[in-house]
Amino acid sequence: MNMRNIKRAAAAAAVFAVVLGGCKTKNSDSGEAEARFAVNTYKTSAGSLDDYLEFGGDVVASSVVNILPDTAGKVSRKLVTVGDFVKKDQILAYIDPSRPGMTYSENPVKAPVEGTVTSFPLSVGATVSPAAPLGQISSTGRLEIQVNVSERFVSRIKGNQSAVITLDAYPGEKFSARVFEISPALDTSTRTLRVKLMLEQPDPRLRAGMYARVRLITEKLSNVIVIPYDALVARGDKSYVFAVERTASDAENAEGNAQTGTPAVVHLREVTPGIHVDDKLEISAGLKTGDEIVVRGQSLLNDGSKVNVMTAE
């Protein structure tokens, strides 16, 4: 074997040794060296887990009312613009209904409700009629979030469910909301259900027309065992985790330094998984608070394997 092959063999042996935990210990009974696997562990505790659905929605005003003139004619005066707050019966514009050879007094256009003018595209001289809206007045002080829920998720939607709202305009910020209205029927053209949510705390930064990302909480679990999903090991049609057991001899021989870790033994333990949310998993049976399980390095383990615990979360 030439020098290049010797170097390659040495490098491969070093990588293999790292995978197996970087050390071997001597068995006092047989005198043989036994491998220990380097692992990271996690100590379980009671926590909470929320299952959710995600939708895209729109921030809209709670009410939108069209502005309609009482008569046909041309706009002679315009008294408000978009963004103005108006009161009920406030005059917004004047319409001149005069015709060739006939002169009439100006007819006022009044606000049908109190609110903010969100649309008023009229210009002086434009011809209008009672059949076409002149603009819109919205109640921008009370905003809603509307989402369309696909038919397959309808069974998971209930009144008063909580939700977390995020907006592109304010990255990193979260707003709390609740479901307050669910349509009694689906839209037959889209097969979706219209659901409305109300912010728990009104925020003046929100504006009608914004796009909202809605995370709707469909199930809340409290005081349950939650583990990292990657800790789960599938063997056949059953689910397991590797539980760490520290023996008295391990404790006596433990050096606990960054190179070797703390020695221990792992055993395969069958568990019953519950709901899976993102990278977390509920365990409904098989584990209790305080159990230590392997969350990294378990792919090479078997029941009774010796390990070195490098880090414990």
C-alpha atoms as a PDB file:
ATOM      1  CA  MET A   1       0.000   0.000   0.000  1.00  0.00           C
ATOM      2  CA  ASN A   2       1.493   3.332  -1.013  1.00  0.00           C
ATOM      3  CA  MET A   3       1.503   6.461   1.147  1.00  0.00           C
ATOM      4  CA  ARG A   4      -1.619   7.954  -0.497  1.00  0.00           C
ATOM      5  CA  ASN A   5      -3.700   4.845   0.239  1.00  0.00           C
ATOM      6  CA  ILE A   6      -2.425   4.807   3.818  1.00  0.00           C
ATOM      7  CA  LYS A   7      -3.606   8.411   4.328  1.00  0.00           C
ATOM      8  CA  ARG A   8      -7.019   7.635   2.851  1.00  0.00           C
ATOM      9  CA  ALA A   9      -7.464   4.617   5.098  1.00  0.00           C
ATOM     10  CA  ALA A  10      -6.487   6.657   8.146  1.00  0.00           C
ATOM     11  CA  ALA A  11      -8.999   9.408   7.285  1.00  0.00           C
ATOM     12  CA  ALA A  12     -11.817   6.878   6.798  1.00  0.00           C
ATOM     13  CA  ALA A  13     -11.005   5.264  10.140  1.00  0.00           C
ATOM     14  CA  ALA A  14     -11.137   8.685  11.857  1.00  0.00           C
ATOM     15  CA  VAL A  15     -14.587   9.476  10.407  1.00  0.00           C
ATOM     16  CA  PHE A  16     -15.903   6.063  11.474  1.00  0.00           C
ATOM     17  CA  ALA A  17     -14.587   6.606  14.981  1.00  0.00           C
ATOM     18  CA  VAL A  18     -16.383   9.982  15.245  1.00  0.00           C
ATOM     19  CA  VAL A  19     -19.693   8.433  14.169  1.00  0.00           C
ATOM     20  CA  LEU A  20     -19.366   5.758  16.826  1.00  0.00           C
ATOM     21  CA  GLY A  21     -18.828   8.295  19.558  1.00  0.00           C
ATOM     22  CA  GLY A  22     -15.147   8.904  19.396  1.00  0.00           C
ATOM     23  CA  CYS A  23     -14.159   6.375  22.085  1.00  0.00           C
ATOM     24  CA  LYS A  24     -14.272   2.776  23.246  1.00  0.00           C
ATOM     25  CA  THR A  25     -14.256   1.449  26.795  1.00  0.00           C
ATOM     26  CA  LYS A  26     -12.800  -1.784  28.070  1.00  0.00           C
ATOM     27  CA  ASN A  27     -15.159  -4.449  29.356  1.00  0.00           C
ATOM     28  CA  SER A  28     -13.830  -5.550  32.764  1.00  0.00           C
ATOM     29  CA  ASP A  29     -15.227  -9.110  32.390  1.00  0.00           C
ATOM     30  CA  SER A  30     -14.042 -10.019  28.878  1.00  0.00           C
ATOM     31  CA  GLY A  31     -11.254  -7.523  28.408  1.00  0.00           C
ATOM     32  CA  GLU A  32     -12.716  -6.549  25.009  1.00  0.00           C
ATOM     33  CA  ALA A  33     -13.317  -2.956  23.940  1.00  0.00           C
ATOM     34  CA  GLU A  34     -16.957  -1.948  23.422  1.00  0.00           C
ATOM     35  CA  ALA A  35     -18.221   0.901  21.280  1.00  0.00           C
ATOM     36  CA  ARG A  36     -20.136   3.820  22.689  1.00  0.00           C
ATOM     37  CA  PHE A  37     -22.267   6.019  20.452  1.00  0.00           C
ATOM     38  CA  ALA A  38     -22.279   9.789  20.790  1.00  0.00           C
ATOM     39  CA  VAL A  39     -25.843  11.090  21.287  1.00  0.00           C
ATOM     40  CA  ASN A  40     -27.762  14.169  22.318  1.00  0.00           C
ATOM     41  CA  THR A  41     -30.665  13.745  24.723  1.00  0.00           C
ATOM     42  CA  TYR A  42     -33.795  15.582  25.811  1.00  0.00           C
ATOM     43  CA  LYS A  43     -35.485  15.433  29.210  1.00  0.00           C
ATOM     44  CA  THR A  44     -39.274  15.382  28.889  1.00  0.00           C
ATOM     45  CA  SER A  45     -41.606  17.689  30.777  1.00  0.00           C
ATOM     46  CA  ALA A  46     -45.294  18.556  30.738  1.00  0.00           C
ATOM     47  CA  GLY A  47     -46.082  21.269  28.218  1.00  0.00           C
ATOM     48  CA  SER A  48     -48.696  22.528  25.797  1.00  0.00           C
ATOM     49  CA  LEU A  49     -49.235  21.980  22.081  1.00  0.00           C
ATOM     50  CA  ASP A  50     -51.542  23.805  19.680  1.00  0.00           C
ATOM     51  CA  ASP A  51     -52.726  22.269  16.442  1.00  0.00           C
ATOM     52  CA  TYR A  52     -53.631  24.809  13.761  1.00  0.00           C
ATOM     53  CA  LEU A  53     -54.670  25.527  10.194  1.00  0.00           C
ATOM     54  CA  GLU A  54     -53.171  28.283   8.055  1.00  0.00           C
ATOM     55  CA  PHE A  55     -55.101  30.462   5.621  1.00  0.00           C
ATOM     56  CA  GLY A  56     -54.659  33.678   3.695  1.00  0.00           C
ATOM     57  CA  GLY A  57     -57.245  36.396   4.294  1.00  0.00           C
ATOM     58  CA  ASP A  58     -58.088  40.043   3.770  1.00  0.00           C
ATOM     59  CA  VAL A  59     -58.474  42.872   6.270  1.00  0.00           C
ATOM     60  CA  VAL A  60     -61.835  44.511   5.530  1.00  0.00           C
ATOM     61  CA  ALA A  61     -64.087  47.111   7.129  1.00  0.00           C
ATOM     62  CA  SER A  62     -66.959  45.722   9.177  1.00  0.00           C
ATOM     63  CA  SER A  63     -69.467  47.606   7.005  1.00  0.00           C
ATOM     64  CA  VAL A  64     -69.312  49.218   3.570  1.00  0.00           C
ATOM     65  CA  VAL A  65     -72.217  51.402   2.337  1.00  0.00           C
ATOM     66  CA  ASN A  66     -72.608  52.788  -1.179  1.00  0.00           C
ATOM     67  CA  ILE A  67     -73.207  56.513  -1.728  1.00  0.00           C
ATOM     68  CA  LEU A  68     -76.176  57.044  -4.071  1.00  0.00           C
ATOM     69  CA  PRO A  69     -77.569  60.349  -5.416  1.00  0.00           C
ATOM     70  CA  ASP A  70     -81.298  61.117  -5.302  1.00  0.00           C
ATOM     71  CA  THR A  71     -81.414  62.438  -8.844  1.00  0.00           C
ATOM     72  CA  ALA A  72     -79.592  62.315 -12.171  1.00  0.00           C
ATOM     73  CA  GLY A  73     -77.469  65.213 -13.392  1.00  0.00           C
ATOM     74  CA  LYS A  74     -73.941  66.579 -13.350  1.00  0.00           C
ATOM     75  CA  VAL A  75     -71.672  67.038 -10.341  1.00  0.00           C
ATOM     76  CA  SER A  76     -71.479  70.756  -9.655  1.00  0.00           C
ATOM     77  CA  ARG A  77     -69.525  70.674  -6.368  1.00  0.00           C
ATOM     78  CA  LYS A  78     -67.494  68.086  -4.463  1.00  0.00           C
ATOM     79  CA  LEU A  79     -67.017  68.715  -0.729  1.00  0.00           C
ATOM     80  CA  VAL A  80     -65.102  65.663   0.553  1.00  0.00           C
ATOM     81  CA  THR A  81     -62.246  63.421  -0.569  1.00  0.00           C
ATOM     82  CA  VAL A  82     -61.124  59.866   0.145  1.00  0.00           C
ATOM     83  CA  GLY A  83     -60.014  59.469   3.757  1.00  0.00           C
ATOM     84  CA  ASP A  84     -62.361  62.084   5.228  1.00  0.00           C
ATOM     85  CA  PHE A  85     -64.460  61.069   8.206  1.00  0.00           C
ATOM     86  CA  VAL A  86     -68.111  62.063   7.714  1.00  0.00           C
ATOM     87  CA  LYS A  87     -71.239  61.965   9.840  1.00  0.00           C
ATOM     88  CA  LYS A  88     -74.644  60.681   8.822  1.00  0.00           C
ATOM     89  CA  ASP A  89     -76.524  63.146   6.545  1.00  0.00           C
ATOM     90  CA  GLN A  90     -73.403  65.279   6.012  1.00  0.00           C
ATOM     91  CA  ILE A  91     -73.404  66.824   2.523  1.00  0.00           C
ATOM     92  CA  LEU A  92     -70.746  65.241   0.328  1.00  0.00           C
ATOM     93  CA  ALA A  93     -71.444  66.864  -3.051  1.00  0.00           C
ATOM     94  CA  TYR A  94     -74.064  68.715  -5.102  1.00  0.00           C
ATOM     95  CA  ILE A  95     -75.776  67.492  -8.258  1.00  0.00           C
ATOM     96  CA  ASP A  96     -77.163  69.916 -10.839  1.00  0.00           C
ATOM     97  CA  PRO A  97     -80.225  68.262 -12.459  1.00  0.00           C
ATOM     98  CA  SER A  98     -80.749  71.115 -14.955  1.00  0.00           C
ATOM     99  CA  ARG A  99     -81.403  70.273 -18.608  1.00  0.00           C
ATOM    100  CA  PRO A 100     -81.338  72.388 -21.775  1.00  0.00           C
ATOM    101  CA  GLY A 101     -84.105  74.949 -21.397  1.00  0.00           C
ATOM    102  CA  MET A 102     -84.822  73.857 -17.800  1.00  0.00           C
ATOM    103  CA  THR A 103     -83.014  75.135 -14.721  1.00  0.00           C
ATOM    104  CA  TYR A 104     -83.285  73.434 -11.327  1.00  0.00           C
ATOM    105  CA  SER A 105     -81.739  73.998  -7.935  1.00  0.00           C
ATOM    106  CA  GLU A 106     -78.709  71.927  -6.922  1.00  0.00           C
ATOM    107  CA  ASN A 107     -79.511  68.630  -5.207  1.00  0.00           C
ATOM    108  CA  PRO A 108     -77.263  67.660  -2.243  1.00  0.00           C
ATOM    109  CA  VAL A 109     -75.728  64.177  -1.913  1.00  0.00           C
ATOM    110  CA  LYS A 110     -75.770  63.172   1.769  1.00  0.00           C
ATOM    111  CA  ALA A 111     -73.804  60.533   3.660  1.00  0.00           C
ATOM    112  CA  PRO A 112     -76.063  57.534   4.352  1.00  0.00           C
ATOM    113  CA  VAL A 113     -74.041  56.506   7.452  1.00  0.00           C
ATOM    114  CA  GLU A 114     -71.197  57.688   9.649  1.00  0.00           C
ATOM    115  CA  GLY A 115     -67.749  56.508   8.649  1.00  0.00           C
ATOM    116  CA  THR A 116     -64.685  57.108   6.476  1.00  0.00           C
ATOM    117  CA  VAL A 117     -64.937  57.839   2.778  1.00  0.00           C
ATOM    118  CA  THR A 118     -62.978  54.987   1.173  1.00  0.00           C
ATOM    119  CA  SER A 119     -64.051  55.601  -2.419  1.00  0.00           C
ATOM    120  CA  PHE A 120     -65.239  58.812  -4.098  1.00  0.00           C
ATOM    121  CA  PRO A 121     -63.891  58.969  -7.668  1.00  0.00           C
ATOM    122  CA  LEU A 122     -66.203  61.774  -8.820  1.00  0.00           C
ATOM    123  CA  SER A 123     -64.987  64.857 -10.649  1.00  0.00           C
ATOM    124  CA  VAL A 124     -66.887  68.089 -11.157  1.00  0.00           C
ATOM    125  CA  GLY A 125     -68.882  67.926 -14.388  1.00  0.00           C
ATOM    126  CA  ALA A 126     -69.305  64.161 -14.344  1.00  0.00           C
ATOM    127  CA  THR A 127     -72.774  62.834 -15.137  1.00  0.00           C
ATOM    128  CA  VAL A 128     -74.367  60.636 -12.463  1.00  0.00           C
ATOM    129  CA  SER A 129     -77.613  58.753 -11.912  1.00  0.00           C
ATOM    130  CA  PRO A 130     -79.395  57.117  -8.945  1.00  0.00           C
ATOM    131  CA  ALA A 131     -78.604  53.701 -10.426  1.00  0.00           C
ATOM    132  CA  ALA A 132     -74.801  54.011 -10.054  1.00  0.00           C
ATOM    133  CA  PRO A 133     -72.982  54.473  -6.696  1.00  0.00           C
ATOM    134  CA  LEU A 134     -70.839  57.590  -6.394  1.00  0.00           C
ATOM    135  CA  GLY A 135     -68.500  56.039  -3.831  1.00  0.00           C
ATOM    136  CA  GLN A 136     -68.380  54.147  -0.540  1.00  0.00           C
ATOM    137  CA  ILE A 137     -68.307  54.890   3.186  1.00  0.00           C
ATOM    138  CA  SER A 138     -66.709  52.278   5.449  1.00  0.00           C
ATOM    139  CA  SER A 139     -66.531  51.740   9.190  1.00  0.00           C
ATOM    140  CA  THR A 140     -62.737  51.586   9.354  1.00  0.00           C
ATOM    141  CA  GLY A 141     -62.732  51.834  13.137  1.00  0.00           C
ATOM    142  CA  ARG A 142     -63.876  48.211  13.330  1.00  0.00           C
ATOM    143  CA  LEU A 143     -61.877  45.949  11.036  1.00  0.00           C
ATOM    144  CA  GLU A 144     -62.407  42.271  10.316  1.00  0.00           C
ATOM    145  CA  ILE A 145     -60.324  39.530   8.737  1.00  0.00           C
ATOM    146  CA  GLN A 146     -62.128  37.402   6.181  1.00  0.00           C
ATOM    147  CA  VAL A 147     -60.851  33.980   5.113  1.00  0.00           C
ATOM    148  CA  ASN A 148     -62.230  31.332   2.788  1.00  0.00           C
ATOM    149  CA  VAL A 149     -61.882  27.857   4.282  1.00  0.00           C
ATOM    150  CA  SER A 150     -61.651  24.850   1.981  1.00  0.00           C
ATOM    151  CA  GLU A 151     -64.459  22.308   2.313  1.00  0.00           C
ATOM    152  CA  ARG A 152     -62.180  19.579   3.703  1.00  0.00           C
ATOM    153  CA  PHE A 153     -61.373  21.723   6.765  1.00  0.00           C
ATOM    154  CA  VAL A 154     -64.942  22.805   7.571  1.00  0.00           C
ATOM    155  CA  SER A 155     -65.366  20.212  10.345  1.00  0.00           C
ATOM    156  CA  ARG A 156     -62.445  21.780  12.274  1.00  0.00           C
ATOM    157  CA  ILE A 157     -63.869  25.310  12.306  1.00  0.00           C
ATOM    158  CA  LYS A 158     -65.823  26.514  15.351  1.00  0.00           C
ATOM    159  CA  GLY A 159     -67.013  29.808  16.756  1.00  0.00           C
ATOM    160  CA  ASN A 160     -64.736  31.715  19.147  1.00  0.00           C
ATOM    161  CA  GLN A 161     -61.603  29.847  18.062  1.00  0.00           C
ATOM    162  CA  SER A 162     -58.448  31.859  18.644  1.00  0.00           C
ATOM    163  CA  ALA A 163     -56.058  32.796  15.864  1.00  0.00           C
ATOM    164  CA  VAL A 164     -52.715  34.496  15.325  1.00  0.00           C
ATOM    165  CA  ILE A 165     -52.552  37.097  12.550  1.00  0.00           C
ATOM    166  CA  THR A 166     -49.376  38.219  10.773  1.00  0.00           C
ATOM    167  CA  LEU A 167     -49.084  40.959   8.161  1.00  0.00           C
ATOM    168  CA  ASP A 168     -46.434  41.659   5.526  1.00  0.00           C
ATOM    169  CA  ALA A 169     -46.556  45.340   6.518  1.00  0.00           C
ATOM    170  CA  TYR A 170     -45.346  44.520  10.060  1.00  0.00           C
ATOM    171  CA  PRO A 171     -42.959  41.548   9.820  1.00  0.00           C
ATOM    172  CA  GLY A 172     -42.312  39.714  13.068  1.00  0.00           C
ATOM    173  CA  GLU A 173     -45.394  41.124  14.815  1.00  0.00           C
ATOM    174  CA  LYS A 174     -48.369  38.986  15.784  1.00  0.00           C
ATOM    175  CA  PHE A 175     -51.971  40.057  16.384  1.00  0.00           C
ATOM    176  CA  SER A 176     -54.548  38.031  18.308  1.00  0.00           C
ATOM    177  CA  ALA A 177     -58.008  37.433  16.862  1.00  0.00           C
ATOM    178  CA  ARG A 178     -61.080  35.244  17.328  1.00  0.00           C
ATOM    179  CA  VAL A 179     -63.687  33.706  15.052  1.00  0.00           C
ATOM    180  CA  PHE A 180     -66.988  35.530  15.483  1.00  0.00           C
ATOM    181  CA  GLU A 181     -68.939  34.616  12.349  1.00  0.00           C
ATOM    182  CA  ILE A 182     -69.147  31.460  10.230  1.00  0.00           C
ATOM    183  CA  SER A 183     -71.206  31.397   7.049  1.00  0.00           C
ATOM    184  CA  PRO A 184     -74.075  28.865   7.204  1.00  0.00           C
ATOM    185  CA  ALA A 185     -73.434  27.753   3.611  1.00  0.00           C
ATOM    186  CA  LEU A 186     -70.493  27.129   1.301  1.00  0.00           C
ATOM    187  CA  ASP A 187     -69.868  29.049  -1.886  1.00  0.00           C
ATOM    188  CA  THR A 188     -70.917  26.541  -4.563  1.00  0.00           C
ATOM    189  CA  SER A 189     -68.507  27.953  -7.147  1.00  0.00           C
ATOM    190  CA  THR A 190     -65.366  27.687  -4.975  1.00  0.00           C
ATOM    191  CA  ARG A 191     -66.496  25.105  -2.382  1.00  0.00           C
ATOM    192  CA  THR A 192     -65.225  27.316   0.399  1.00  0.00           C
ATOM    193  CA  LEU A 193     -66.708  28.586   3.651  1.00  0.00           C
ATOM    194  CA  ARG A 194     -66.525  32.294   4.533  1.00  0.00           C
ATOM    195  CA  VAL A 195     -65.212  32.835   8.076  1.00  0.00           C
ATOM    196  CA  LYS A 196     -64.798  36.219   9.794  1.00  0.00           C
ATOM    197  CA  LEU A 197     -62.398  37.015  12.617  1.00  0.00           C
ATOM    198  CA  MET A 198     -62.230  40.050  14.891  1.00  0.00           C
ATOM    199  CA  LEU A 199     -59.044  41.444  16.429  1.00  0.00           C
ATOM    200  CA  GLU A 200     -59.037  41.100  20.218  1.00  0.00           C
ATOM    201  CA  GLN A 201     -57.287  44.466  20.536  1.00  0.00           C
ATOM    202  CA  PRO A 202     -58.018  47.004  17.755  1.00  0.00           C
ATOM    203  CA  ASP A 203     -54.816  48.397  16.242  1.00  0.00           C
ATOM    204  CA  PRO A 204     -54.826  51.662  14.265  1.00  0.00           C
ATOM    205  CA  ARG A 205     -51.930  50.418  12.145  1.00  0.00           C
ATOM    206  CA  LEU A 206     -54.166  47.927  10.371  1.00  0.00           C
ATOM    207  CA  ARG A 207     -55.841  49.156   7.218  1.00  0.00           C
ATOM    208  CA  ALA A 208     -58.628  47.751   5.105  1.00  0.00           C
ATOM    209  CA  GLY A 209     -57.263  45.946   2.078  1.00  0.00           C
ATOM    210  CA  MET A 210     -54.178  44.474   3.778  1.00  0.00           C
ATOM    211  CA  TYR A 211     -53.332  40.810   3.186  1.00  0.00           C
ATOM    212  CA  ALA A 212     -53.337  38.741   6.382  1.00  0.00           C
ATOM    213  CA  ARG A 213     -51.863  35.338   7.165  1.00  0.00           C
ATOM    214  CA  VAL A 214     -54.127  33.553   9.613  1.00  0.00           C
ATOM    215  CA  ARG A 215     -53.024  30.697  11.880  1.00  0.00           C
ATOM    216  CA  LEU A 216     -56.279  29.322  13.289  1.00  0.00           C
ATOM    217  CA  ILE A 217     -55.880  27.260  16.474  1.00  0.00           C
ATOM    218  CA  THR A 218     -58.108  24.181  16.087  1.00  0.00           C
ATOM    219  CA  GLU A 219     -56.976  22.190  19.126  1.00  0.00           C
ATOM    220  CA  LYS A 220     -55.204  23.173  22.351  1.00  0.00           C
ATOM    221  CA  LEU A 221     -53.490  20.545  24.489  1.00  0.00           C
ATOM    222  CA  SER A 222     -52.224  21.342  27.975  1.00  0.00           C
ATOM    223  CA  ASN A 223     -50.122  19.387  30.457  1.00  0.00           C
ATOM    224  CA  VAL A 224     -49.036  16.790  27.891  1.00  0.00           C
ATOM    225  CA  ILE A 225     -45.685  15.196  27.062  1.00  0.00           C
ATOM    226  CA  VAL A 226     -44.223  16.901  23.986  1.00  0.00           C
ATOM    227  CA  ILE A 227     -40.988  15.717  22.352  1.00  0.00           C
ATOM    228  CA  PRO A 228     -39.031  16.679  19.214  1.00  0.00           C
ATOM    229  CA  TYR A 229     -40.506  14.776  16.272  1.00  0.00           C
ATOM    230  CA  ASP A 230     -37.042  13.588  15.172  1.00  0.00           C
ATOM    231  CA  ALA A 231     -36.722  11.557  18.382  1.00  0.00           C
ATOM    232  CA  LEU A 232     -39.370   9.101  17.147  1.00  0.00           C
ATOM    233  CA  VAL A 233     -38.058   5.798  15.734  1.00  0.00           C
ATOM    234  CA  ALA A 234     -40.247   3.574  13.539  1.00  0.00           C
ATOM    235  CA  ARG A 235     -39.723  -0.173  13.753  1.00  0.00           C
ATOM    236  CA  GLY A 236     -42.276  -2.046  11.699  1.00  0.00           C
ATOM    237  CA  ASP A 237     -45.713  -0.575  12.346  1.00  0.00           C
ATOM    238  CA  LYS A 238     -44.853   0.592  15.873  1.00  0.00           C
ATOM    239  CA  SER A 239     -43.288   3.767  17.244  1.00  0.00           C
ATOM    240  CA  TYR A 240     -40.423   3.882  19.718  1.00  0.00           C
ATOM    241  CA  VAL A 241     -37.954   6.190  21.398  1.00  0.00           C
ATOM    242  CA  PHE A 242     -34.596   5.375  22.961  1.00  0.00           C
ATOM    243  CA  ALA A 243     -34.822   6.029  26.696  1.00  0.00           C
ATOM    244  CA  VAL A 244     -31.599   6.720  28.576  1.00  0.00           C
ATOM    245  CA  GLU A 245     -30.818   4.784  31.727  1.00  0.00           C
ATOM    246  CA  ARG A 246     -27.808   5.752  33.813  1.00  0.00           C
ATOM    247  CA  THR A 247     -26.328   2.977  35.931  1.00  0.00           C
ATOM    248  CA  ALA A 248     -24.291   3.315  39.111  1.00  0.00           C
ATOM    249  CA  SER A 249     -21.153   2.071  37.314  1.00  0.00           C
ATOM    250  CA  ASP A 250     -21.683   4.646  34.574  1.00  0.00           C
ATOM    251  CA  ALA A 251     -21.964   7.398  37.163  1.00  0.00           C
ATOM    252  CA  GLU A 252     -18.720   6.247  38.841  1.00  0.00           C
ATOM    253  CA  ASN A 253     -16.837   6.172  35.529  1.00  0.00           C
ATOM    254  CA  ALA A 254     -18.308   9.408  34.139  1.00  0.00           C
ATOM    255  CA  GLU A 255     -15.788  12.060  33.257  1.00  0.00           C
ATOM    256  CA  GLY A 256     -18.427  14.419  31.861  1.00  0.00           C
ATOM    257  CA  ASN A 257     -16.069  16.356  29.624  1.00  0.00           C
ATOM    258  CA  ALA A 258     -16.736  17.718  26.139  1.00  0.00           C
ATOM    259  CA  GLN A 259     -14.654  14.986  24.442  1.00  0.00           C
ATOM    260  CA  THR A 260     -16.146  11.803  25.915  1.00  0.00           C
ATOM    261  CA  GLY A 261     -19.540  12.868  27.304  1.00  0.00           C
ATOM    262  CA  THR A 262     -21.400  11.086  30.086  1.00  0.00           C
ATOM    263  CA  PRO A 263     -21.681   7.271  29.662  1.00  0.00           C
ATOM    264  CA  ALA A 264     -25.111   5.639  29.786  1.00  0.00           C
ATOM    265  CA  VAL A 265     -27.239   2.811  28.377  1.00  0.00           C
ATOM    266  CA  VAL A 266     -30.321   3.214  26.144  1.00  0.00           C
ATOM    267  CA  HIS A 267     -33.374   0.967  25.837  1.00  0.00           C
ATOM    268  CA  LEU A 268     -35.986   0.894  23.121  1.00  0.00           C
ATOM    269  CA  ARG A 269     -39.340   1.988  24.546  1.00  0.00           C
ATOM    270  CA  GLU A 270     -42.649   1.771  22.692  1.00  0.00           C
ATOM    271  CA  VAL A 271     -44.734   4.963  22.724  1.00  0.00           C
ATOM    272  CA  THR A 272     -48.112   6.113  21.444  1.00  0.00           C
ATOM    273  CA  PRO A 273     -47.805   9.297  19.370  1.00  0.00           C
ATOM    274  CA  GLY A 274     -50.542  11.938  19.395  1.00  0.00           C
ATOM    275  CA  ILE A 275     -50.860  15.039  17.233  1.00  0.00           C
ATOM    276  CA  HIS A 276     -47.887  16.225  15.201  1.00  0.00           C
ATOM    277  CA  VAL A 277     -47.411  19.996  14.899  1.00  0.00           C
ATOM    278  CA  ASP A 278     -44.397  21.343  12.994  1.00  0.00           C
ATOM    279  CA  ASP A 279     -41.317  19.773  14.646  1.00  0.00           C
ATOM    280  CA  LYS A 280     -43.129  18.741  17.844  1.00  0.00           C
ATOM    281  CA  LEU A 281     -45.008  15.564  18.722  1.00  0.00           C
ATOM    282  CA  GLU A 282     -47.406  14.724  21.523  1.00  0.00           C
ATOM    283  CA  ILE A 283     -46.795  11.401  23.281  1.00  0.00           C
ATOM    284  CA  SER A 284     -50.022  10.117  24.799  1.00  0.00           C
ATOM    285  CA  ALA A 285     -48.561   6.927  26.320  1.00  0.00           C
ATOM    286  CA  GLY A 286     -45.140   5.423  26.995  1.00  0.00           C
ATOM    287  CA  LEU A 287     -43.329   8.391  28.537  1.00  0.00           C
ATOM    288  CA  LYS A 288     -43.623  10.392  31.722  1.00  0.00           C
ATOM    289  CA  THR A 289     -42.264  13.692  32.946  1.00  0.00           C
ATOM    290  CA  GLY A 290     -38.528  13.536  33.614  1.00  0.00           C
ATOM    291  CA  ASP A 291     -37.708  10.703  31.197  1.00  0.00           C
ATOM    292  CA  GLU A 292     -34.522  11.256  29.199  1.00  0.00           C
ATOM    293  CA  ILE A 293     -34.661  10.267  25.526  1.00  0.00           C
ATOM    294  CA  VAL A 294     -32.217  10.359  22.611  1.00  0.00           C
ATOM    295  CA  VAL A 295     -32.978  13.093  20.062  1.00  0.00           C
ATOM    296  CA  ARG A 296     -29.831  12.903  17.914  1.00  0.00           C
ATOM    297  CA  GLY A 297     -27.630   9.956  17.006  1.00  0.00           C
ATOM    298  CA  GLN A 298     -30.332   7.291  17.429  1.00  0.00           C
ATOM    299  CA  SER A 299     -30.118   5.909  13.876  1.00  0.00           C
ATOM    300  CA  LEU A 300     -27.277   3.502  14.813  1.00  0.00           C
ATOM    301  CA  LEU A 301     -28.659   2.443  18.187  1.00  0.00           C
ATOM    302  CA  ASN A 302     -30.231  -0.810  19.320  1.00  0.00           C
ATOM    303  CA  ASP A 303     -31.822  -1.860  22.583  1.00  0.00           C
ATOM    304  CA  GLY A 304     -29.082  -1.944  25.244  1.00  0.00           C
ATOM    305  CA  SER A 305     -26.548   0.132  23.279  1.00  0.00           C
ATOM    306  CA  LYS A 306     -23.911   1.971  25.267  1.00  0.00           C
ATOM    307  CA  VAL A 307     -23.825   5.722  24.602  1.00  0.00           C
ATOM    308  CA  ASN A 308     -21.948   8.859  25.546  1.00  0.00           C
ATOM    309  CA  VAL A 309     -24.350  11.722  26.215  1.00  0.00           C
ATOM    310  CA  MET A 310     -22.659  14.730  24.678  1.00  0.00           C
ATOM    311  CA  THR A 311     -25.378  17.297  25.407  1.00  0.00           C
ATOM    312  CA  ALA A 312     -28.671  17.090  27.317  1.00  0.00           C
ATOM    313  CA  GLU A 313     -31.444  19.593  26.479  1.00  0.00           C
END
